[in-house]
Amino acid sequence: QVQLEESGGGLVQAGGSLRLSCAASGRIFSINVMGWYRQAPGKQRELVATISSSGRTNYADSVKGRFTISRDNAKNTVSLQMNSLKPEDTAVYYCYAALRTSMTSALYDYWGQGTQVTVSS
């Protein structure tokens, strides 16, 4: 069984910063990609940022230059530093990991339960 536990959400004023963290635990053999998605009320879940095991990153255009994703492979953690936050960044943020639970298992997607980020204007 695998769990992704997020922390760091909250309420912040526009222009402020927040840092989200996520720790993966349980039966983990290897993690391929880790990242963050978000879902605002009435909208579909969308990619925010991902990072591969080698450190290659990918960002949504809307957050480039403001958000930075990082990862600690030894600790199975991923973080998202969010600066210059805007009201449109308000959403539930979900941690994501594509991982294997054994050497021979397929790659499966896992999700955290989500953490609320609210940016007031």
C-alpha atoms as a PDB file:
ATOM      1  CA  GLN A   1       0.000   0.000   0.000  1.00  0.00           C
ATOM      2  CA  VAL A   2       1.248   3.442  -0.921  1.00  0.00           C
ATOM      3  CA  GLN A   3       0.322   6.771   0.611  1.00  0.00           C
ATOM      4  CA  LEU A   4       1.022  10.321  -0.500  1.00  0.00           C
ATOM      5  CA  GLU A   5       0.678  12.853   2.290  1.00  0.00           C
ATOM      6  CA  GLU A   6       0.560  16.564   1.471  1.00  0.00           C
ATOM      7  CA  SER A   7       1.158  19.506   3.739  1.00  0.00           C
ATOM      8  CA  GLY A   8       1.561  23.245   3.480  1.00  0.00           C
ATOM      9  CA  GLY A   9      -1.673  24.567   2.047  1.00  0.00           C
ATOM     10  CA  GLY A  10      -3.475  27.554   3.460  1.00  0.00           C
ATOM     11  CA  LEU A  11      -4.703  31.093   2.944  1.00  0.00           C
ATOM     12  CA  VAL A  12      -2.405  33.789   1.608  1.00  0.00           C
ATOM     13  CA  GLN A  13      -2.799  37.245   0.117  1.00  0.00           C
ATOM     14  CA  ALA A  14      -2.102  37.904  -3.528  1.00  0.00           C
ATOM     15  CA  GLY A  15       1.618  38.339  -4.087  1.00  0.00           C
ATOM     16  CA  GLY A  16       2.469  36.067  -1.189  1.00  0.00           C
ATOM     17  CA  SER A  17       4.173  32.685  -1.069  1.00  0.00           C
ATOM     18  CA  LEU A  18       3.400  29.168   0.063  1.00  0.00           C
ATOM     19  CA  ARG A  19       5.353  25.934   0.034  1.00  0.00           C
ATOM     20  CA  LEU A  20       3.656  22.586  -0.486  1.00  0.00           C
ATOM     21  CA  SER A  21       5.308  19.332   0.467  1.00  0.00           C
ATOM     22  CA  CYS A  22       4.414  15.726  -0.207  1.00  0.00           C
ATOM     23  CA  ALA A  23       5.889  12.532   1.174  1.00  0.00           C
ATOM     24  CA  ALA A  24       5.347   9.137  -0.395  1.00  0.00           C
ATOM     25  CA  SER A  25       5.436   6.133   1.912  1.00  0.00           C
ATOM     26  CA  GLY A  26       4.627   2.436   1.918  1.00  0.00           C
ATOM     27  CA  ARG A  27       5.630  -0.289  -0.468  1.00  0.00           C
ATOM     28  CA  ILE A  28       7.708   1.659  -2.985  1.00  0.00           C
ATOM     29  CA  PHE A  29      10.349   0.161  -5.237  1.00  0.00           C
ATOM     30  CA  SER A  30      10.976   3.174  -7.428  1.00  0.00           C
ATOM     31  CA  ILE A  31       9.312   6.456  -8.292  1.00  0.00           C
ATOM     32  CA  ASN A  32       9.361   7.699 -11.855  1.00  0.00           C
ATOM     33  CA  VAL A  33       7.599  11.050 -11.960  1.00  0.00           C
ATOM     34  CA  MET A  34       6.346  13.138  -9.052  1.00  0.00           C
ATOM     35  CA  GLY A  35       4.375  16.302  -9.323  1.00  0.00           C
ATOM     36  CA  TRP A  36       1.457  18.541  -8.494  1.00  0.00           C
ATOM     37  CA  TYR A  37      -1.926  19.010 -10.088  1.00  0.00           C
ATOM     38  CA  ARG A  38      -4.703  21.351  -9.052  1.00  0.00           C
ATOM     39  CA  GLN A  39      -8.446  21.591  -9.364  1.00  0.00           C
ATOM     40  CA  ALA A  40     -10.428  24.785  -8.947  1.00  0.00           C
ATOM     41  CA  PRO A  41     -14.190  24.739  -8.300  1.00  0.00           C
ATOM     42  CA  GLY A  42     -16.091  23.909 -11.464  1.00  0.00           C
ATOM     43  CA  LYS A  43     -12.922  23.169 -13.422  1.00  0.00           C
ATOM     44  CA  GLN A  44     -11.037  20.060 -14.457  1.00  0.00           C
ATOM     45  CA  ARG A  45      -7.901  18.943 -12.694  1.00  0.00           C
ATOM     46  CA  GLU A  46      -4.860  20.429 -14.415  1.00  0.00           C
ATOM     47  CA  LEU A  47      -1.134  19.906 -14.330  1.00  0.00           C
ATOM     48  CA  VAL A  48       0.883  22.396 -12.319  1.00  0.00           C
ATOM     49  CA  ALA A  49       4.382  20.911 -12.405  1.00  0.00           C
ATOM     50  CA  THR A  50       6.143  17.575 -12.622  1.00  0.00           C
ATOM     51  CA  ILE A  51       9.689  16.395 -12.012  1.00  0.00           C
ATOM     52  CA  SER A  52      11.316  13.184 -13.168  1.00  0.00           C
ATOM     53  CA  SER A  53      13.692  11.026 -11.158  1.00  0.00           C
ATOM     54  CA  SER A  54      16.568  12.642 -13.058  1.00  0.00           C
ATOM     55  CA  GLY A  55      15.350  16.130 -12.192  1.00  0.00           C
ATOM     56  CA  ARG A  56      13.783  17.120 -15.479  1.00  0.00           C
ATOM     57  CA  THR A  57      10.921  19.532 -14.792  1.00  0.00           C
ATOM     58  CA  ASN A  58       7.757  20.516 -16.600  1.00  0.00           C
ATOM     59  CA  TYR A  59       5.531  23.457 -15.715  1.00  0.00           C
ATOM     60  CA  ALA A  60       2.161  24.746 -16.782  1.00  0.00           C
ATOM     61  CA  ASP A  61       2.547  28.025 -18.660  1.00  0.00           C
ATOM     62  CA  SER A  62       0.433  29.776 -16.053  1.00  0.00           C
ATOM     63  CA  VAL A  63       2.948  29.101 -13.271  1.00  0.00           C
ATOM     64  CA  LYS A  64       6.288  29.354 -15.101  1.00  0.00           C
ATOM     65  CA  GLY A  65       8.605  31.800 -13.395  1.00  0.00           C
ATOM     66  CA  ARG A  66       6.533  31.800 -10.208  1.00  0.00           C
ATOM     67  CA  PHE A  67       6.509  28.171  -9.026  1.00  0.00           C
ATOM     68  CA  THR A  68       9.477  25.872  -8.491  1.00  0.00           C
ATOM     69  CA  ILE A  69       9.230  22.116  -8.060  1.00  0.00           C
ATOM     70  CA  SER A  70      11.929  20.113  -6.320  1.00  0.00           C
ATOM     71  CA  ARG A  71      12.400  16.544  -5.242  1.00  0.00           C
ATOM     72  CA  ASP A  72      14.415  14.465  -2.779  1.00  0.00           C
ATOM     73  CA  ASN A  73      14.753  10.983  -4.251  1.00  0.00           C
ATOM     74  CA  ALA A  74      16.273   9.547  -1.076  1.00  0.00           C
ATOM     75  CA  LYS A  75      13.275  10.639   0.998  1.00  0.00           C
ATOM     76  CA  ASN A  76      10.588  10.142  -1.654  1.00  0.00           C
ATOM     77  CA  THR A  77       9.421  13.709  -1.252  1.00  0.00           C
ATOM     78  CA  VAL A  78       8.413  16.456  -3.635  1.00  0.00           C
ATOM     79  CA  SER A  79       7.898  20.127  -2.883  1.00  0.00           C
ATOM     80  CA  LEU A  80       6.353  23.073  -4.685  1.00  0.00           C
ATOM     81  CA  GLN A  81       7.506  26.581  -3.859  1.00  0.00           C
ATOM     82  CA  MET A  82       4.814  29.006  -4.968  1.00  0.00           C
ATOM     83  CA  ASN A  83       5.706  32.682  -5.199  1.00  0.00           C
ATOM     84  CA  SER A  84       3.823  35.713  -6.485  1.00  0.00           C
ATOM     85  CA  LEU A  85       0.554  33.915  -5.909  1.00  0.00           C
ATOM     86  CA  LYS A  86      -2.547  35.124  -7.709  1.00  0.00           C
ATOM     87  CA  PRO A  87      -6.254  34.655  -6.872  1.00  0.00           C
ATOM     88  CA  GLU A  88      -6.508  32.381  -9.918  1.00  0.00           C
ATOM     89  CA  ASP A  89      -4.073  29.990  -8.233  1.00  0.00           C
ATOM     90  CA  THR A  90      -6.813  29.173  -5.722  1.00  0.00           C
ATOM     91  CA  ALA A  91      -7.527  25.445  -5.933  1.00  0.00           C
ATOM     92  CA  VAL A  92      -7.106  22.116  -4.247  1.00  0.00           C
ATOM     93  CA  TYR A  93      -3.568  20.944  -4.969  1.00  0.00           C
ATOM     94  CA  TYR A  94      -2.932  17.236  -5.378  1.00  0.00           C
ATOM     95  CA  CYS A  95       0.377  15.438  -5.068  1.00  0.00           C
ATOM     96  CA  TYR A  96       1.028  12.830  -7.758  1.00  0.00           C
ATOM     97  CA  ALA A  97       3.491  10.006  -8.192  1.00  0.00           C
ATOM     98  CA  ALA A  98       3.993   7.398 -10.878  1.00  0.00           C
ATOM     99  CA  LEU A  99       5.755   4.513  -9.191  1.00  0.00           C
ATOM    100  CA  ARG A 100       6.466   0.787  -9.015  1.00  0.00           C
ATOM    101  CA  THR A 101       5.846  -1.256  -5.905  1.00  0.00           C
ATOM    102  CA  SER A 102       8.288  -3.981  -6.954  1.00  0.00           C
ATOM    103  CA  MET A 103      10.942  -4.651  -9.592  1.00  0.00           C
ATOM    104  CA  THR A 104       8.439  -6.447 -11.796  1.00  0.00           C
ATOM    105  CA  SER A 105       5.317  -4.364 -11.196  1.00  0.00           C
ATOM    106  CA  ALA A 106       3.827  -2.004 -13.709  1.00  0.00           C
ATOM    107  CA  LEU A 107       3.972   1.730 -13.308  1.00  0.00           C
ATOM    108  CA  TYR A 108       0.893   2.985 -11.437  1.00  0.00           C
ATOM    109  CA  ASP A 109      -0.398   6.471 -10.649  1.00  0.00           C
ATOM    110  CA  TYR A 110      -0.982   7.485  -7.052  1.00  0.00           C
ATOM    111  CA  TRP A 111      -2.610  10.626  -5.686  1.00  0.00           C
ATOM    112  CA  GLY A 112      -2.685  12.441  -2.407  1.00  0.00           C
ATOM    113  CA  GLN A 113      -5.944  13.590  -0.844  1.00  0.00           C
ATOM    114  CA  GLY A 114      -5.330  17.221  -1.713  1.00  0.00           C
ATOM    115  CA  THR A 115      -4.552  20.401   0.155  1.00  0.00           C
ATOM    116  CA  GLN A 116      -6.452  23.665  -0.212  1.00  0.00           C
ATOM    117  CA  VAL A 117      -4.642  26.774  -1.397  1.00  0.00           C
ATOM    118  CA  THR A 118      -6.625  29.999  -1.237  1.00  0.00           C
ATOM    119  CA  VAL A 119      -5.240  33.284  -2.523  1.00  0.00           C
ATOM    120  CA  SER A 120      -7.183  36.383  -1.548  1.00  0.00           C
ATOM    121  CA  SER A 121      -7.141  39.555  -3.619  1.00  0.00           C
END
